[in-house]
PDB file of N, CA and C in Angstrom:
ATOM      1  N   UNK A   1       5.478 -30.868 -55.791  1.00  0.00           N
ATOM      2  CA  UNK A   1       6.556 -30.564 -54.877  1.00  0.00           C
ATOM      3  C   UNK A   1       7.565 -29.631 -55.551  1.00  0.00           C
ATOM      4  N   UNK A   2       7.792 -29.856 -56.860  1.00  0.00           N
ATOM      5  CA  UNK A   2       8.727 -29.030 -57.604  1.00  0.00           C
ATOM      6  C   UNK A   2       8.235 -27.588 -57.671  1.00  0.00           C
ATOM      7  N   UNK A   3       6.924 -27.406 -57.819  1.00  0.00           N
ATOM      8  CA  UNK A   3       6.364 -26.056 -57.861  1.00  0.00           C
ATOM      9  C   UNK A   3       6.595 -25.343 -56.524  1.00  0.00           C
ATOM     10  N   UNK A   4       6.458 -26.098 -55.435  1.00  0.00           N
ATOM     11  CA  UNK A   4       6.643 -25.513 -54.104  1.00  0.00           C
ATOM     12  C   UNK A   4       8.087 -25.066 -53.892  1.00  0.00           C
ATOM     13  N   UNK A   5       9.063 -25.886 -54.292  1.00  0.00           N
ATOM     14  CA  UNK A   5      10.472 -25.499 -54.142  1.00  0.00           C
ATOM     15  C   UNK A   5      10.811 -24.335 -55.060  1.00  0.00           C
ATOM     16  N   UNK A   6      10.276 -24.322 -56.258  1.00  0.00           N
ATOM     17  CA  UNK A   6      10.508 -23.185 -57.156  1.00  0.00           C
ATOM     18  C   UNK A   6       9.907 -21.902 -56.576  1.00  0.00           C
ATOM     19  N   UNK A   7       8.720 -22.056 -56.016  1.00  0.00           N
ATOM     20  CA  UNK A   7       8.077 -20.899 -55.385  1.00  0.00           C
ATOM     21  C   UNK A   7       8.927 -20.377 -54.222  1.00  0.00           C
ATOM     22  N   UNK A   8       9.473 -21.293 -53.408  1.00  0.00           N
ATOM     23  CA  UNK A   8      10.316 -20.884 -52.282  1.00  0.00           C
ATOM     24  C   UNK A   8      11.590 -20.200 -52.753  1.00  0.00           C
ATOM     25  N   UNK A   9      12.199 -20.709 -53.838  1.00  0.00           N
ATOM     26  CA  UNK A   9      13.416 -20.090 -54.366  1.00  0.00           C
ATOM     27  C   UNK A   9      13.124 -18.689 -54.906  1.00  0.00           C
ATOM     28  N   UNK A  10      11.995 -18.559 -55.555  1.00  0.00           N
ATOM     29  CA  UNK A  10      11.652 -17.281 -56.179  1.00  0.00           C
ATOM     30  C   UNK A  10      11.125 -16.270 -55.154  1.00  0.00           C
ATOM     31  N   UNK A  11      10.244 -16.692 -54.252  1.00  0.00           N
ATOM     32  CA  UNK A  11       9.570 -15.788 -53.322  1.00  0.00           C
ATOM     33  C   UNK A  11      10.027 -15.973 -51.863  1.00  0.00           C
ATOM     34  N   UNK A  12      11.035 -16.726 -51.618  1.00  0.00           N
ATOM     35  CA  UNK A  12      11.491 -17.030 -50.260  1.00  0.00           C
ATOM     36  C   UNK A  12      11.937 -15.801 -49.482  1.00  0.00           C
ATOM     37  N   UNK A  13      12.621 -14.884 -50.152  1.00  0.00           N
ATOM     38  CA  UNK A  13      13.087 -13.687 -49.453  1.00  0.00           C
ATOM     39  C   UNK A  13      11.921 -12.837 -48.968  1.00  0.00           C
ATOM     40  N   UNK A  14      10.831 -12.823 -49.718  1.00  0.00           N
ATOM     41  CA  UNK A  14       9.653 -12.067 -49.304  1.00  0.00           C
ATOM     42  C   UNK A  14       9.000 -12.713 -48.074  1.00  0.00           C
ATOM     43  N   UNK A  15       8.911 -14.041 -48.121  1.00  0.00           N
ATOM     44  CA  UNK A  15       8.327 -14.752 -46.985  1.00  0.00           C
ATOM     45  C   UNK A  15       9.169 -14.577 -45.726  1.00  0.00           C
ATOM     46  N   UNK A  16      10.492 -14.708 -45.859  1.00  0.00           N
ATOM     47  CA  UNK A  16      11.350 -14.570 -44.679  1.00  0.00           C
ATOM     48  C   UNK A  16      11.330 -13.128 -44.156  1.00  0.00           C
ATOM     49  N   UNK A  17      11.288 -12.156 -45.058  1.00  0.00           N
ATOM     50  CA  UNK A  17      11.217 -10.750 -44.629  1.00  0.00           C
ATOM     51  C   UNK A  17       9.916 -10.491 -43.882  1.00  0.00           C
ATOM     52  N   UNK A  18       8.826 -11.007 -44.407  1.00  0.00           N
ATOM     53  CA  UNK A  18       7.536 -10.826 -43.739  1.00  0.00           C
ATOM     54  C   UNK A  18       7.526 -11.519 -42.379  1.00  0.00           C
ATOM     55  N   UNK A  19       8.111 -12.697 -42.320  1.00  0.00           N
ATOM     56  CA  UNK A  19       8.176 -13.431 -41.059  1.00  0.00           C
ATOM     57  C   UNK A  19       8.997 -12.666 -40.021  1.00  0.00           C
ATOM     58  N   UNK A  20      10.178 -12.179 -40.417  1.00  0.00           N
ATOM     59  CA  UNK A  20      11.007 -11.417 -39.480  1.00  0.00           C
ATOM     60  C   UNK A  20      10.346 -10.113 -39.060  1.00  0.00           C
ATOM     61  N   UNK A  21       9.625  -9.478 -39.979  1.00  0.00           N
ATOM     62  CA  UNK A  21       8.895  -8.255 -39.650  1.00  0.00           C
ATOM     63  C   UNK A  21       7.813  -8.538 -38.605  1.00  0.00           C
ATOM     64  N   UNK A  22       7.081  -9.624 -38.800  1.00  0.00           N
ATOM     65  CA  UNK A  22       6.043  -9.996 -37.831  1.00  0.00           C
ATOM     66  C   UNK A  22       6.660 -10.321 -36.465  1.00  0.00           C
ATOM     67  N   UNK A  23       7.770 -11.031 -36.462  1.00  0.00           N
ATOM     68  CA  UNK A  23       8.444 -11.350 -35.198  1.00  0.00           C
ATOM     69  C   UNK A  23       8.945 -10.087 -34.496  1.00  0.00           C
ATOM     70  N   UNK A  24       9.490  -9.152 -35.270  1.00  0.00           N
ATOM     71  CA  UNK A  24       9.979  -7.901 -34.693  1.00  0.00           C
ATOM     72  C   UNK A  24       8.835  -7.099 -34.073  1.00  0.00           C
ATOM     73  N   UNK A  25       7.729  -7.000 -34.793  1.00  0.00           N
ATOM     74  CA  UNK A  25       6.574  -6.263 -34.274  1.00  0.00           C
ATOM     75  C   UNK A  25       6.001  -6.930 -33.027  1.00  0.00           C
ATOM     76  N   UNK A  26       5.947  -8.235 -33.034  1.00  0.00           N
ATOM     77  CA  UNK A  26       5.425  -8.948 -31.868  1.00  0.00           C
ATOM     78  C   UNK A  26       6.319  -8.719 -30.658  1.00  0.00           C
ATOM     79  N   UNK A  27       7.628  -8.717 -30.883  1.00  0.00           N
ATOM     80  CA  UNK A  27       8.566  -8.500 -29.781  1.00  0.00           C
ATOM     81  C   UNK A  27       8.436  -7.081 -29.222  1.00  0.00           C
ATOM     82  N   UNK A  28       8.316  -6.112 -30.086  1.00  0.00           N
ATOM     83  CA  UNK A  28       8.218  -4.731 -29.611  1.00  0.00           C
ATOM     84  C   UNK A  28       6.906  -4.500 -28.870  1.00  0.00           C
ATOM     85  N   UNK A  29       5.827  -5.092 -29.346  1.00  0.00           N
ATOM     86  CA  UNK A  29       4.539  -4.960 -28.648  1.00  0.00           C
ATOM     87  C   UNK A  29       4.616  -5.597 -27.267  1.00  0.00           C
ATOM     88  N   UNK A  30       5.261  -6.737 -27.176  1.00  0.00           N
ATOM     89  CA  UNK A  30       5.417  -7.413 -25.892  1.00  0.00           C
ATOM     90  C   UNK A  30       6.272  -6.571 -24.956  1.00  0.00           C
ATOM     91  N   UNK A  31       7.323  -5.966 -25.485  1.00  0.00           N
ATOM     92  CA  UNK A  31       8.189  -5.116 -24.660  1.00  0.00           C
ATOM     93  C   UNK A  31       7.414  -3.923 -24.105  1.00  0.00           C
ATOM     94  N   UNK A  32       6.553  -3.335 -24.935  1.00  0.00           N
ATOM     95  CA  UNK A  32       5.744  -2.206 -24.469  1.00  0.00           C
ATOM     96  C   UNK A  32       4.779  -2.638 -23.365  1.00  0.00           C
ATOM     97  N   UNK A  33       4.185  -3.807 -23.533  1.00  0.00           N
ATOM     98  CA  UNK A  33       3.266  -4.305 -22.507  1.00  0.00           C
ATOM     99  C   UNK A  33       4.013  -4.552 -21.200  1.00  0.00           C
ATOM    100  N   UNK A  34       5.204  -5.118 -21.303  1.00  0.00           N
ATOM    101  CA  UNK A  34       6.006  -5.373 -20.100  1.00  0.00           C
ATOM    102  C   UNK A  34       6.386  -4.060 -19.432  1.00  0.00           C
ATOM    103  N   UNK A  35       6.759  -3.057 -20.213  1.00  0.00           N
ATOM    104  CA  UNK A  35       7.117  -1.753 -19.647  1.00  0.00           C
ATOM    105  C   UNK A  35       5.918  -1.134 -18.936  1.00  0.00           C
ATOM    106  N   UNK A  36       4.738  -1.243 -19.529  1.00  0.00           N
ATOM    107  CA  UNK A  36       3.535  -0.699 -18.885  1.00  0.00           C
ATOM    108  C   UNK A  36       3.227  -1.429 -17.591  1.00  0.00           C
ATOM    109  N   UNK A  37       3.388  -2.725 -17.595  1.00  0.00           N
ATOM    110  CA  UNK A  37       3.137  -3.505 -16.375  1.00  0.00           C
ATOM    111  C   UNK A  37       4.146  -3.136 -15.298  1.00  0.00           C
ATOM    112  N   UNK A  38       5.394  -2.906 -15.683  1.00  0.00           N
ATOM    113  CA  UNK A  38       6.414  -2.510 -14.709  1.00  0.00           C
ATOM    114  C   UNK A  38       6.089  -1.150 -14.099  1.00  0.00           C
ATOM    115  N   UNK A  39       5.612  -0.218 -14.900  1.00  0.00           N
ATOM    116  CA  UNK A  39       5.217   1.094 -14.375  1.00  0.00           C
ATOM    117  C   UNK A  39       4.067   0.957 -13.384  1.00  0.00           C
ATOM    118  N   UNK A  40       3.087   0.135 -13.736  1.00  0.00           N
ATOM    119  CA  UNK A  40       1.956  -0.091 -12.833  1.00  0.00           C
ATOM    120  C   UNK A  40       2.429  -0.731 -11.530  1.00  0.00           C
ATOM    121  N   UNK A  41       3.365  -1.651 -11.635  1.00  0.00           N
ATOM    122  CA  UNK A  41       3.896  -2.319 -10.448  1.00  0.00           C
ATOM    123  C   UNK A  41       4.609  -1.328  -9.547  1.00  0.00           C
ATOM    124  N   UNK A  42       5.389  -0.448 -10.120  1.00  0.00           N
ATOM    125  CA  UNK A  42       6.086   0.574  -9.323  1.00  0.00           C
ATOM    126  C   UNK A  42       5.089   1.489  -8.609  1.00  0.00           C
ATOM    127  N   UNK A  43       4.046   1.886  -9.320  1.00  0.00           N
ATOM    128  CA  UNK A  43       3.032   2.747  -8.714  1.00  0.00           C
ATOM    129  C   UNK A  43       2.340   2.033  -7.564  1.00  0.00           C
ATOM    130  N   UNK A  44       2.029   0.760  -7.745  1.00  0.00           N
ATOM    131  CA  UNK A  44       1.384  -0.008  -6.673  1.00  0.00           C
ATOM    132  C   UNK A  44       2.318  -0.184  -5.479  1.00  0.00           C
ATOM    133  N   UNK A  45       3.600  -0.383  -5.726  1.00  0.00           N
ATOM    134  CA  UNK A  45       4.558  -0.506  -4.629  1.00  0.00           C
ATOM    135  C   UNK A  45       4.616   0.783  -3.815  1.00  0.00           C
ATOM    136  N   UNK A  46       4.580   1.932  -4.487  1.00  0.00           N
ATOM    137  CA  UNK A  46       4.580   3.210  -3.770  1.00  0.00           C
ATOM    138  C   UNK A  46       3.335   3.350  -2.905  1.00  0.00           C
ATOM    139  N   UNK A  47       2.190   2.960  -3.450  1.00  0.00           N
ATOM    140  CA  UNK A  47       0.944   3.057  -2.686  1.00  0.00           C
ATOM    141  C   UNK A  47       0.963   2.120  -1.486  1.00  0.00           C
ATOM    142  N   UNK A  48       1.504   0.929  -1.666  1.00  0.00           N
ATOM    143  CA  UNK A  48       1.582  -0.029  -0.568  1.00  0.00           C
ATOM    144  C   UNK A  48       2.493   0.503   0.528  1.00  0.00           C
ATOM    145  N   UNK A  49       3.618   1.098   0.145  1.00  0.00           N
ATOM    146  CA  UNK A  49       4.536   1.657   1.151  1.00  0.00           C
ATOM    147  C   UNK A  49       3.877   2.788   1.925  1.00  0.00           C
ATOM    148  N   UNK A  50       3.121   3.644   1.222  1.00  0.00           N
ATOM    149  CA  UNK A  50       2.458   4.740   1.920  1.00  0.00           C
ATOM    150  C   UNK A  50       1.382   4.210   2.865  1.00  0.00           C
ATOM    151  N   UNK A  51       0.682   3.159   2.444  1.00  0.00           N
ATOM    152  CA  UNK A  51      -0.327   2.557   3.324  1.00  0.00           C
ATOM    153  C   UNK A  51       0.325   1.896   4.532  1.00  0.00           C
ATOM    154  N   UNK A  52       1.480   1.272   4.340  1.00  0.00           N
ATOM    155  CA  UNK A  52       2.187   0.647   5.459  1.00  0.00           C
ATOM    156  C   UNK A  52       2.608   1.697   6.483  1.00  0.00           C
ATOM    157  N   UNK A  53       3.066   2.854   6.012  1.00  0.00           N
ATOM    158  CA  UNK A  53       3.459   3.895   6.963  1.00  0.00           C
ATOM    159  C   UNK A  53       2.246   4.431   7.712  1.00  0.00           C
ATOM    160  N   UNK A  54       1.103   4.536   7.031  1.00  0.00           N
ATOM    161  CA  UNK A  54      -0.109   4.984   7.726  1.00  0.00           C
ATOM    162  C   UNK A  54      -0.549   3.983   8.781  1.00  0.00           C
ATOM    163  N   UNK A  55      -0.448   2.710   8.471  1.00  0.00           N
ATOM    164  CA  UNK A  55      -0.842   1.679   9.427  1.00  0.00           C
ATOM    165  C   UNK A  55       0.091   1.706  10.641  1.00  0.00           C
ATOM    166  N   UNK A  56       1.381   1.926  10.400  1.00  0.00           N
ATOM    167  CA  UNK A  56       2.339   1.973  11.501  1.00  0.00           C
ATOM    168  C   UNK A  56       2.084   3.168  12.417  1.00  0.00           C
ATOM    169  N   UNK A  57       1.520   4.235  11.879  1.00  0.00           N
ATOM    170  CA  UNK A  57       1.246   5.427  12.679  1.00  0.00           C
ATOM    171  C   UNK A  57       0.060   5.225  13.621  1.00  0.00           C
ATOM    172  N   UNK A  58      -0.843   4.326  13.297  1.00  0.00           N
ATOM    173  CA  UNK A  58      -2.021   4.090  14.131  1.00  0.00           C
ATOM    174  C   UNK A  58      -1.631   3.360  15.413  1.00  0.00           C
ATOM    175  N   UNK A  59      -2.441   3.569  16.432  1.00  0.00           N
ATOM    176  CA  UNK A  59      -2.192   2.918  17.711  1.00  0.00           C
ATOM    177  C   UNK A  59      -2.563   1.438  17.623  1.00  0.00           C
ATOM    178  N   UNK A  60      -1.809   0.633  18.357  1.00  0.00           N
ATOM    179  CA  UNK A  60      -2.118  -0.794  18.393  1.00  0.00           C
ATOM    180  C   UNK A  60      -3.219  -1.039  19.425  1.00  0.00           C
ATOM    181  N   UNK A  61      -3.757  -2.232  19.422  1.00  0.00           N
ATOM    182  CA  UNK A  61      -4.817  -2.598  20.362  1.00  0.00           C
ATOM    183  C   UNK A  61      -4.307  -2.498  21.791  1.00  0.00           C
ATOM    184  N   UNK A  62      -3.083  -2.923  22.014  1.00  0.00           N
ATOM    185  CA  UNK A  62      -2.500  -2.873  23.356  1.00  0.00           C
ATOM    186  C   UNK A  62      -2.349  -1.423  23.826  1.00  0.00           C
ATOM    187  N   UNK A  63      -1.909  -0.538  22.945  1.00  0.00           N
ATOM    188  CA  UNK A  63      -1.757   0.863  23.321  1.00  0.00           C
ATOM    189  C   UNK A  63      -3.105   1.487  23.676  1.00  0.00           C
ATOM    190  N   UNK A  64      -4.139   1.164  22.915  1.00  0.00           N
ATOM    191  CA  UNK A  64      -5.469   1.703  23.194  1.00  0.00           C
ATOM    192  C   UNK A  64      -5.970   1.174  24.536  1.00  0.00           C
ATOM    193  N   UNK A  65      -5.781  -0.122  24.778  1.00  0.00           N
ATOM    194  CA  UNK A  65      -6.222  -0.725  26.025  1.00  0.00           C
ATOM    195  C   UNK A  65      -5.472  -0.118  27.224  1.00  0.00           C
ATOM    196  N   UNK A  66      -4.172   0.076  27.086  1.00  0.00           N
ATOM    197  CA  UNK A  66      -3.388   0.671  28.175  1.00  0.00           C
ATOM    198  C   UNK A  66      -3.853   2.090  28.482  1.00  0.00           C
ATOM    199  N   UNK A  67      -4.109   2.872  27.445  1.00  0.00           N
ATOM    200  CA  UNK A  67      -4.576   4.247  27.658  1.00  0.00           C
ATOM    201  C   UNK A  67      -5.956   4.255  28.299  1.00  0.00           C
ATOM    202  N   UNK A  68      -6.821   3.349  27.884  1.00  0.00           N
ATOM    203  CA  UNK A  68      -8.156   3.259  28.471  1.00  0.00           C
ATOM    204  C   UNK A  68      -8.055   2.886  29.958  1.00  0.00           C
ATOM    205  N   UNK A  69      -7.202   1.933  30.294  1.00  0.00           N
ATOM    206  CA  UNK A  69      -7.042   1.529  31.692  1.00  0.00           C
ATOM    207  C   UNK A  69      -6.469   2.672  32.536  1.00  0.00           C
ATOM    208  N   UNK A  70      -5.518   3.409  31.974  1.00  0.00           N
ATOM    209  CA  UNK A  70      -4.937   4.547  32.689  1.00  0.00           C
ATOM    210  C   UNK A  70      -6.003   5.615  32.953  1.00  0.00           C
ATOM    211  N   UNK A  71      -6.837   5.875  31.957  1.00  0.00           N
ATOM    212  CA  UNK A  71      -7.899   6.867  32.107  1.00  0.00           C
ATOM    213  C   UNK A  71      -8.921   6.428  33.153  1.00  0.00           C
ATOM    214  N   UNK A  72      -9.310   5.168  33.094  1.00  0.00           N
ATOM    215  CA  UNK A  72     -10.276   4.658  34.071  1.00  0.00           C
ATOM    216  C   UNK A  72      -9.696   4.678  35.490  1.00  0.00           C
ATOM    217  N   UNK A  73      -8.413   4.365  35.622  1.00  0.00           N
ATOM    218  CA  UNK A  73      -7.765   4.405  36.928  1.00  0.00           C
ATOM    219  C   UNK A  73      -7.758   5.832  37.478  1.00  0.00           C
ATOM    220  N   UNK A  74      -7.417   6.799  36.627  1.00  0.00           N
ATOM    221  CA  UNK A  74      -7.439   8.199  37.063  1.00  0.00           C
ATOM    222  C   UNK A  74      -8.858   8.625  37.450  1.00  0.00           C
ATOM    223  N   UNK A  75      -9.851   8.176  36.694  1.00  0.00           N
ATOM    224  CA  UNK A  75     -11.235   8.492  37.008  1.00  0.00           C
ATOM    225  C   UNK A  75     -11.601   7.954  38.396  1.00  0.00           C
ATOM    226  N   UNK A  76     -11.201   6.715  38.691  1.00  0.00           N
ATOM    227  CA  UNK A  76     -11.502   6.136  39.997  1.00  0.00           C
ATOM    228  C   UNK A  76     -10.822   6.906  41.130  1.00  0.00           C
ATOM    229  N   UNK A  77      -9.589   7.337  40.891  1.00  0.00           N
ATOM    230  CA  UNK A  77      -8.887   8.136  41.901  1.00  0.00           C
ATOM    231  C   UNK A  77      -9.625   9.446  42.145  1.00  0.00           C
ATOM    232  N   UNK A  78      -9.997  10.140  41.057  1.00  0.00           N
ATOM    233  CA  UNK A  78     -10.716  11.407  41.201  1.00  0.00           C
ATOM    234  C   UNK A  78     -12.065  11.197  41.890  1.00  0.00           C
ATOM    235  N   UNK A  79     -12.755  10.127  41.541  1.00  0.00           N
ATOM    236  CA  UNK A  79     -14.054   9.838  42.146  1.00  0.00           C
ATOM    237  C   UNK A  79     -13.902   9.558  43.640  1.00  0.00           C
ATOM    238  N   UNK A  80     -12.875   8.807  43.998  1.00  0.00           N
ATOM    239  CA  UNK A  80     -12.629   8.493  45.408  1.00  0.00           C
ATOM    240  C   UNK A  80     -12.284   9.761  46.188  1.00  0.00           C
ATOM    241  N   UNK A  81     -11.425  10.611  45.616  1.00  0.00           N
ATOM    242  CA  UNK A  81     -11.072  11.867  46.286  1.00  0.00           C
ATOM    243  C   UNK A  81     -12.303  12.750  46.464  1.00  0.00           C
ATOM    244  N   UNK A  82     -13.168  12.788  45.457  1.00  0.00           N
ATOM    245  CA  UNK A  82     -14.378  13.607  45.533  1.00  0.00           C
ATOM    246  C   UNK A  82     -15.335  13.053  46.590  1.00  0.00           C
ATOM    247  N   UNK A  83     -15.484  11.727  46.659  1.00  0.00           N
ATOM    248  CA  UNK A  83     -16.375  11.106  47.638  1.00  0.00           C
ATOM    249  C   UNK A  83     -15.883  11.331  49.063  1.00  0.00           C
ATOM    250  N   UNK A  84     -14.585  11.292  49.273  1.00  0.00           N
ATOM    251  CA  UNK A  84     -14.024  11.454  50.613  1.00  0.00           C
ATOM    252  C   UNK A  84     -13.877  12.924  51.004  1.00  0.00           C
ATOM    253  N   UNK A  85     -14.099  13.806  50.074  1.00  0.00           N
ATOM    254  CA  UNK A  85     -14.025  15.229  50.372  1.00  0.00           C
ATOM    255  C   UNK A  85     -12.602  15.773  50.356  1.00  0.00           C
ATOM    256  N   UNK A  86     -11.682  15.028  49.786  1.00  0.00           N
ATOM    257  CA  UNK A  86     -10.290  15.474  49.726  1.00  0.00           C
ATOM    258  C   UNK A  86     -10.085  16.575  48.694  1.00  0.00           C
ATOM    259  N   UNK A  87     -10.902  16.589  47.669  1.00  0.00           N
ATOM    260  CA  UNK A  87     -10.768  17.617  46.642  1.00  0.00           C
ATOM    261  C   UNK A  87     -12.152  17.982  46.117  1.00  0.00           C
ATOM    262  N   UNK A  88     -12.194  19.154  45.514  1.00  0.00           N
ATOM    263  CA  UNK A  88     -13.456  19.613  44.961  1.00  0.00           C
ATOM    264  C   UNK A  88     -13.494  19.299  43.466  1.00  0.00           C
ATOM    265  N   UNK A  89     -14.659  19.499  42.888  1.00  0.00           N
ATOM    266  CA  UNK A  89     -14.821  19.241  41.457  1.00  0.00           C
ATOM    267  C   UNK A  89     -13.943  20.173  40.617  1.00  0.00           C
ATOM    268  N   UNK A  90     -13.788  21.401  41.059  1.00  0.00           N
ATOM    269  CA  UNK A  90     -12.938  22.343  40.315  1.00  0.00           C
ATOM    270  C   UNK A  90     -11.468  21.936  40.403  1.00  0.00           C
ATOM    271  N   UNK A  91     -11.030  21.356  41.548  1.00  0.00           N
ATOM    272  CA  UNK A  91      -9.655  20.866  41.648  1.00  0.00           C
ATOM    273  C   UNK A  91      -9.403  19.730  40.664  1.00  0.00           C
ATOM    274  N   UNK A  92     -10.376  18.833  40.573  1.00  0.00           N
ATOM    275  CA  UNK A  92     -10.249  17.702  39.641  1.00  0.00           C
ATOM    276  C   UNK A  92     -10.212  18.210  38.206  1.00  0.00           C
ATOM    277  N   UNK A  93     -11.050  19.200  37.902  1.00  0.00           N
ATOM    278  CA  UNK A  93     -11.073  19.776  36.557  1.00  0.00           C
ATOM    279  C   UNK A  93      -9.724  20.408  36.237  1.00  0.00           C
ATOM    280  N   UNK A  94      -9.136  21.106  37.198  1.00  0.00           N
ATOM    281  CA  UNK A  94      -7.826  21.729  36.981  1.00  0.00           C
ATOM    282  C   UNK A  94      -6.734  20.671  36.777  1.00  0.00           C
ATOM    283  N   UNK A  95      -6.815  19.561  37.518  1.00  0.00           N
ATOM    284  CA  UNK A  95      -5.837  18.481  37.360  1.00  0.00           C
ATOM    285  C   UNK A  95      -5.934  17.876  35.960  1.00  0.00           C
ATOM    286  N   UNK A  96      -7.150  17.656  35.520  1.00  0.00           N
ATOM    287  CA  UNK A  96      -7.356  17.060  34.195  1.00  0.00           C
ATOM    288  C   UNK A  96      -6.848  18.003  33.113  1.00  0.00           C
ATOM    289  N   UNK A  97      -7.163  19.282  33.218  1.00  0.00           N
ATOM    290  CA  UNK A  97      -6.718  20.247  32.220  1.00  0.00           C
ATOM    291  C   UNK A  97      -5.205  20.417  32.213  1.00  0.00           C
ATOM    292  N   UNK A  98      -4.564  20.294  33.381  1.00  0.00           N
ATOM    293  CA  UNK A  98      -3.118  20.423  33.427  1.00  0.00           C
ATOM    294  C   UNK A  98      -2.430  19.202  32.808  1.00  0.00           C
ATOM    295  N   UNK A  99      -3.086  18.040  32.849  1.00  0.00           N
ATOM    296  CA  UNK A  99      -2.506  16.833  32.222  1.00  0.00           C
ATOM    297  C   UNK A  99      -2.617  16.857  30.713  1.00  0.00           C
ATOM    298  N   UNK A 100      -3.588  17.593  30.171  1.00  0.00           N
ATOM    299  CA  UNK A 100      -3.751  17.677  28.731  1.00  0.00           C
ATOM    300  C   UNK A 100      -2.648  18.518  28.190  1.00  0.00           C
TER     301      UNK A 100
END
């Protein structure tokens, strides 16, 4: 036990310096890893925001269904007018082109 205490008195500053050096290096490495993870997180947040805006730009199911019903209704009107002789095929074509 006496040898151990003598060793600590004689070489203690070297051991403590090495210990603090290892702790400092470990802390700096951890800080770098955290900084890299934060950068990756920011990049992912930007990508998610851009994807959210793209999704918002797309039509919803209800909008698609409403447009389909409107188109089918117009088709039925044109078909009925054509069957009854109220309009010709060229008139219907002109109506459709004017709506576009």
